[in-house]
Protein backbone atom coordinates (compact mmCIF):
# COMPACT_ATOMS: atom_id res chain seq x y z
CA PRO A 1 -113.13 -64.64 12.31
CA PRO A 2 -110.35 -67.31 13.48
CA ARG A 3 -107.17 -65.82 14.84
CA ALA A 4 -103.96 -67.74 15.12
CA SER A 5 -100.93 -67.00 17.44
CA ARG A 6 -97.47 -66.93 16.20
CA PRO A 7 -95.78 -70.16 16.41
CA ARG A 8 -92.76 -70.08 18.84
CA LEU A 9 -89.57 -71.96 18.71
CA VAL A 10 -88.01 -72.36 22.14
CA PRO A 11 -84.60 -73.77 22.46
CA GLY A 12 -83.89 -76.00 25.70
CA SER A 13 -82.33 -78.91 27.42
CA THR A 14 -83.51 -81.42 29.65
CA SER A 15 -82.53 -81.09 33.59
CA ARG A 16 -79.82 -83.65 33.16
CA GLY A 17 -78.44 -81.73 30.04
CA GLU A 18 -78.54 -84.82 27.84
CA SER A 19 -80.45 -83.55 24.99
CA ARG A 20 -80.93 -80.46 23.12
CA TYR A 21 -84.33 -79.88 22.07
CA LEU A 22 -86.60 -77.28 19.97
CA LYS A 23 -90.37 -76.54 20.95
CA ALA A 24 -92.85 -75.30 18.55
CA GLU A 25 -96.27 -73.88 19.75
CA ALA A 26 -99.45 -72.91 18.19
CA LEU A 27 -102.62 -71.49 19.32
CA VAL A 28 -105.88 -70.68 17.03
CA ARG A 29 -108.94 -69.10 18.19
CA VAL A 30 -111.72 -70.88 16.18
CA LEU A 31 -114.63 -69.12 17.96
CA ASN A 32 -114.78 -66.49 20.64
CA ASN A 33 -114.89 -69.00 23.36
CA VAL A 34 -112.78 -71.91 21.62
CA ASP A 35 -109.02 -72.41 21.29
CA VAL A 36 -107.18 -75.04 19.72
CA ARG A 37 -103.51 -75.69 20.37
CA GLY A 38 -100.66 -77.68 19.62
CA ALA A 39 -97.24 -78.09 20.52
CA SER A 40 -94.01 -80.32 19.74
CA ALA A 41 -90.82 -80.79 21.29
CA TRP A 42 -87.88 -82.12 19.12
CA ASP A 43 -84.64 -83.64 20.29
CA VAL A 44 -82.24 -82.16 17.80
CA SER A 45 -79.28 -84.24 18.86
CA ARG A 46 -81.17 -87.48 18.36
CA GLY A 47 -83.38 -86.31 15.62
CA ARG A 48 -86.71 -87.44 17.08
CA ALA A 49 -90.00 -86.18 18.86
CA ILE A 50 -89.96 -86.07 22.38
CA GLU A 51 -93.41 -84.90 23.09
CA ASN A 52 -96.51 -83.86 21.06
CA ARG A 53 -99.66 -82.02 22.57
CA VAL A 54 -102.97 -81.20 21.10
CA GLY A 55 -105.75 -79.56 23.08
CA ILE A 56 -108.95 -77.60 23.27
CA ASP A 57 -109.92 -74.81 25.55
CA TRP A 58 -113.74 -74.03 25.87
CA ARG A 59 -114.43 -71.06 27.90
CA PHE A 60 -117.72 -69.72 29.37
CA ASP A 61 -118.52 -66.92 31.69
CA CYS A 62 -117.32 -68.13 34.92
CA TRP A 63 -115.74 -71.57 34.01
CA SER A 64 -113.92 -73.40 31.16
CA ILE A 65 -113.23 -76.89 30.17
CA ILE A 66 -109.57 -77.99 28.89
CA ALA A 67 -109.11 -81.45 27.06
CA GLU A 68 -105.48 -82.34 26.22
CA TYR A 69 -103.90 -85.34 24.69
CA VAL A 70 -100.17 -85.75 25.22
CA ASN A 71 -97.88 -88.05 23.20
CA ARG A 72 -94.47 -88.69 24.55
CA HIS A 73 -91.50 -90.79 23.17
CA GLY A 74 -91.37 -94.21 24.98
CA ASP A 75 -95.21 -94.76 25.26
CA GLU A 76 -95.94 -92.28 28.14
CA ASN A 77 -99.11 -91.07 26.67
CA GLU A 78 -101.83 -89.05 28.54
CA PHE A 79 -105.17 -87.68 28.14
CA ARG A 80 -105.98 -84.75 30.47
CA VAL A 81 -109.48 -83.16 31.37
CA SER A 82 -109.79 -80.15 33.77
CA ILE A 83 -112.60 -77.93 34.69
CA ASN A 84 -111.67 -74.40 35.72
CA LEU A 85 -114.00 -72.57 38.19
CA LEU A 86 -113.39 -68.93 37.96
CA GLY A 87 -112.39 -67.45 41.37
CA LEU A 88 -112.19 -71.21 42.93
CA GLY A 89 -109.24 -72.92 41.15
CA GLN A 90 -109.05 -76.22 38.97
CA VAL A 91 -110.30 -79.72 39.26
CA GLY A 92 -108.88 -82.22 36.88
CA THR A 93 -107.62 -85.87 36.05
CA SER A 94 -105.03 -87.26 33.97
CA ALA A 95 -104.87 -90.88 32.56
CA ARG A 96 -102.00 -92.50 31.31
CA LEU A 97 -102.77 -94.53 28.13
CA GLY A 98 -101.06 -97.82 27.03
CA PHE A 99 -100.49 -97.30 23.52
């Protein structure tokens, strides 16, 4: 059956200390080898989302595929795809989107 991890709220600040933010993360195992995850970072002082992420992890015996969409405040959006080879490391790419 699907299993969900407990959402976490993580207080933090940027490296410049300009904003205070909360981060919430969730992970749901939809199949034995497939996880769906999401995260959101919220700027408490400005009252807006800094970053939202949604991704899928698909695991096999000796490799996995990870796809993730990142939506950041200020139109710095990305789509990431990576292939992980057990014992060899990770190969991937990231593309910035103009929307």
